[in-house]
């Protein structure tokens, strides 16, 4: 039973790490440096980097430009 829980936890952690990597690659950031730094943080520090990205990194993605009202 303990082995099953460990495997399930590993699959969840790997899935969230992979999701974060894909999201970083596909999103538009304010600068390429931000994108590169987030990628390196999540890639080389998978557990901590993924948690930090989901807590504060997703807010750093550039928003679509506001429409000008004429």
N, C-alpha and C. Protein backbone atom coordinates (compact mmCIF):
# COMPACT_ATOMS: atom_id res chain seq x y z
N UNK A 1 0.82 -1.19 0.00
CA UNK A 1 0.00 0.00 0.00
C UNK A 1 0.87 1.26 0.00
N UNK A 2 1.94 1.26 0.78
CA UNK A 2 2.84 2.41 0.85
C UNK A 2 3.51 2.67 -0.50
N UNK A 3 3.87 1.61 -1.19
CA UNK A 3 4.50 1.74 -2.51
C UNK A 3 3.54 2.40 -3.49
N UNK A 4 2.26 2.01 -3.43
CA UNK A 4 1.26 2.59 -4.32
C UNK A 4 1.14 4.10 -4.09
N UNK A 5 1.13 4.52 -2.83
CA UNK A 5 1.04 5.95 -2.52
C UNK A 5 2.26 6.71 -3.00
N UNK A 6 3.43 6.11 -2.86
CA UNK A 6 4.65 6.74 -3.34
C UNK A 6 4.65 6.89 -4.86
N UNK A 7 4.18 5.86 -5.54
CA UNK A 7 4.10 5.92 -7.01
C UNK A 7 3.08 6.97 -7.43
N UNK A 8 1.94 7.03 -6.77
CA UNK A 8 0.91 8.02 -7.09
C UNK A 8 1.43 9.43 -6.86
N UNK A 9 2.14 9.65 -5.76
CA UNK A 9 2.72 10.95 -5.49
C UNK A 9 3.75 11.33 -6.55
N UNK A 10 4.56 10.37 -6.96
CA UNK A 10 5.54 10.62 -8.01
C UNK A 10 4.90 10.99 -9.33
N UNK A 11 3.81 10.31 -9.67
CA UNK A 11 3.11 10.62 -10.92
C UNK A 11 2.50 12.02 -10.86
N UNK A 12 1.92 12.38 -9.72
CA UNK A 12 1.34 13.73 -9.58
C UNK A 12 2.42 14.80 -9.67
N UNK A 13 3.53 14.59 -8.99
CA UNK A 13 4.62 15.56 -9.03
C UNK A 13 5.20 15.70 -10.43
N UNK A 14 5.41 14.58 -11.10
CA UNK A 14 5.94 14.63 -12.47
C UNK A 14 4.95 15.32 -13.40
N UNK A 15 3.67 15.02 -13.25
CA UNK A 15 2.65 15.65 -14.09
C UNK A 15 2.58 17.14 -13.90
N UNK A 16 2.66 17.60 -12.65
CA UNK A 16 2.61 19.04 -12.40
C UNK A 16 3.88 19.72 -12.92
N UNK A 17 5.02 19.05 -12.79
CA UNK A 17 6.28 19.59 -13.32
C UNK A 17 6.20 19.72 -14.84
N UNK A 18 5.71 18.68 -15.49
CA UNK A 18 5.59 18.70 -16.95
C UNK A 18 4.60 19.76 -17.40
N UNK A 19 3.50 19.90 -16.68
CA UNK A 19 2.50 20.93 -17.01
C UNK A 19 3.11 22.33 -16.89
N UNK A 20 3.89 22.56 -15.84
CA UNK A 20 4.53 23.86 -15.65
C UNK A 20 5.51 24.15 -16.79
N UNK A 21 6.31 23.16 -17.18
CA UNK A 21 7.26 23.35 -18.28
C UNK A 21 6.52 23.70 -19.58
N UNK A 22 5.46 22.97 -19.89
CA UNK A 22 4.70 23.22 -21.12
C UNK A 22 4.06 24.60 -21.07
N UNK A 23 3.53 24.98 -19.90
CA UNK A 23 2.90 26.29 -19.76
C UNK A 23 3.92 27.42 -19.93
N UNK A 24 5.10 27.24 -19.37
CA UNK A 24 6.14 28.27 -19.50
C UNK A 24 6.54 28.44 -20.96
N UNK A 25 6.70 27.34 -21.66
CA UNK A 25 7.11 27.40 -23.07
C UNK A 25 6.03 28.03 -23.94
N UNK A 26 4.76 27.74 -23.68
CA UNK A 26 3.70 28.19 -24.57
C UNK A 26 3.17 29.59 -24.26
N UNK A 27 3.38 30.11 -23.06
CA UNK A 27 2.86 31.43 -22.70
C UNK A 27 3.78 32.55 -23.19
N UNK A 28 3.18 33.72 -23.34
CA UNK A 28 3.94 34.92 -23.70
C UNK A 28 4.27 35.69 -22.42
N UNK A 29 5.51 36.04 -22.27
CA UNK A 29 5.97 36.78 -21.11
C UNK A 29 6.32 38.19 -21.53
N UNK A 30 6.45 39.06 -20.53
CA UNK A 30 6.81 40.45 -20.80
C UNK A 30 8.19 40.55 -21.43
N UNK A 31 9.09 39.65 -21.05
CA UNK A 31 10.42 39.62 -21.66
C UNK A 31 10.88 38.17 -21.80
N UNK A 32 11.79 37.96 -22.74
CA UNK A 32 12.33 36.62 -22.94
C UNK A 32 13.18 36.18 -21.74
N UNK A 33 13.74 37.13 -21.04
CA UNK A 33 14.56 36.81 -19.86
C UNK A 33 13.69 36.18 -18.77
N UNK A 34 12.50 36.73 -18.56
CA UNK A 34 11.59 36.15 -17.57
C UNK A 34 11.25 34.71 -17.92
N UNK A 35 10.96 34.49 -19.18
CA UNK A 35 10.61 33.15 -19.64
C UNK A 35 11.77 32.18 -19.42
N UNK A 36 12.98 32.60 -19.76
CA UNK A 36 14.15 31.76 -19.60
C UNK A 36 14.42 31.46 -18.12
N UNK A 37 14.31 32.48 -17.28
CA UNK A 37 14.55 32.27 -15.84
C UNK A 37 13.53 31.32 -15.22
N UNK A 38 12.27 31.46 -15.57
CA UNK A 38 11.27 30.54 -15.04
C UNK A 38 11.52 29.12 -15.53
N UNK A 39 11.87 29.00 -16.81
CA UNK A 39 12.15 27.66 -17.35
C UNK A 39 13.32 27.01 -16.61
N UNK A 40 14.40 27.76 -16.43
CA UNK A 40 15.57 27.20 -15.75
C UNK A 40 15.27 26.84 -14.30
N UNK A 41 14.51 27.70 -13.62
CA UNK A 41 14.16 27.41 -12.23
C UNK A 41 13.34 26.13 -12.12
N UNK A 42 12.33 25.99 -12.95
CA UNK A 42 11.47 24.81 -12.89
C UNK A 42 12.20 23.57 -13.38
N UNK A 43 13.04 23.73 -14.37
CA UNK A 43 13.74 22.56 -14.93
C UNK A 43 14.80 22.01 -13.97
N UNK A 44 15.59 22.89 -13.37
CA UNK A 44 16.69 22.42 -12.53
C UNK A 44 16.31 22.22 -11.06
N UNK A 45 15.25 22.84 -10.62
CA UNK A 45 14.74 22.62 -9.27
C UNK A 45 13.27 22.20 -9.38
N UNK A 46 13.02 20.97 -9.81
CA UNK A 46 11.66 20.58 -10.18
C UNK A 46 10.62 20.75 -9.06
N UNK A 47 10.90 20.29 -7.88
CA UNK A 47 9.89 20.35 -6.83
C UNK A 47 9.67 21.79 -6.36
N UNK A 48 10.73 22.45 -5.96
CA UNK A 48 10.62 23.82 -5.45
C UNK A 48 10.22 24.78 -6.57
N UNK A 49 10.84 24.63 -7.73
CA UNK A 49 10.55 25.53 -8.85
C UNK A 49 9.11 25.45 -9.31
N UNK A 50 8.55 24.26 -9.33
CA UNK A 50 7.16 24.09 -9.75
C UNK A 50 6.22 24.75 -8.76
N UNK A 51 6.47 24.56 -7.49
CA UNK A 51 5.62 25.17 -6.46
C UNK A 51 5.70 26.69 -6.55
N UNK A 52 6.91 27.23 -6.66
CA UNK A 52 7.08 28.68 -6.75
C UNK A 52 6.41 29.21 -8.01
N UNK A 53 6.54 28.50 -9.12
CA UNK A 53 5.92 28.95 -10.37
C UNK A 53 4.41 29.00 -10.23
N UNK A 54 3.79 27.97 -9.65
CA UNK A 54 2.35 27.96 -9.53
C UNK A 54 1.86 29.00 -8.51
N UNK A 55 2.68 29.36 -7.54
CA UNK A 55 2.26 30.35 -6.55
C UNK A 55 2.42 31.78 -7.06
N UNK A 56 3.55 32.11 -7.69
CA UNK A 56 3.77 33.50 -8.10
C UNK A 56 4.11 33.67 -9.58
N UNK A 57 4.55 32.64 -10.24
CA UNK A 57 5.03 32.79 -11.62
C UNK A 57 3.94 32.97 -12.64
N UNK A 58 2.78 32.41 -12.39
CA UNK A 58 1.71 32.52 -13.37
C UNK A 58 1.18 33.94 -13.47
N UNK A 59 1.38 34.74 -12.45
CA UNK A 59 0.94 36.14 -12.48
C UNK A 59 1.85 36.99 -13.34
N UNK A 60 3.03 36.49 -13.68
CA UNK A 60 4.00 37.26 -14.44
C UNK A 60 3.79 37.19 -15.94
N UNK A 61 2.85 36.38 -16.38
CA UNK A 61 2.57 36.24 -17.80
C UNK A 61 1.92 37.53 -18.28
N UNK A 62 2.32 37.99 -19.45
CA UNK A 62 1.77 39.25 -19.95
C UNK A 62 0.31 39.06 -20.33
N UNK A 63 -0.47 40.06 -20.01
CA UNK A 63 -1.89 40.04 -20.32
C UNK A 63 -2.11 40.59 -21.72
N UNK A 64 -3.21 40.22 -22.35
CA UNK A 64 -3.48 40.78 -23.67
C UNK A 64 -3.66 42.30 -23.57
N UNK A 65 -3.28 43.02 -24.61
CA UNK A 65 -3.40 44.49 -24.55
C UNK A 65 -4.84 44.92 -24.36
N UNK A 66 -5.01 45.99 -23.60
CA UNK A 66 -6.36 46.51 -23.37
C UNK A 66 -6.87 47.19 -24.62
N UNK A 67 -8.17 47.08 -24.82
CA UNK A 67 -8.77 47.72 -25.98
C UNK A 67 -8.90 49.20 -25.71
N UNK A 68 -8.64 49.96 -26.76
CA UNK A 68 -8.79 51.41 -26.64
C UNK A 68 -10.23 51.77 -27.01
N UNK A 69 -10.84 52.51 -26.14
CA UNK A 69 -12.20 52.94 -26.40
C UNK A 69 -12.18 54.33 -27.05
N UNK A 70 -12.84 54.40 -28.19
CA UNK A 70 -12.82 55.66 -28.94
C UNK A 70 -14.13 56.38 -28.76
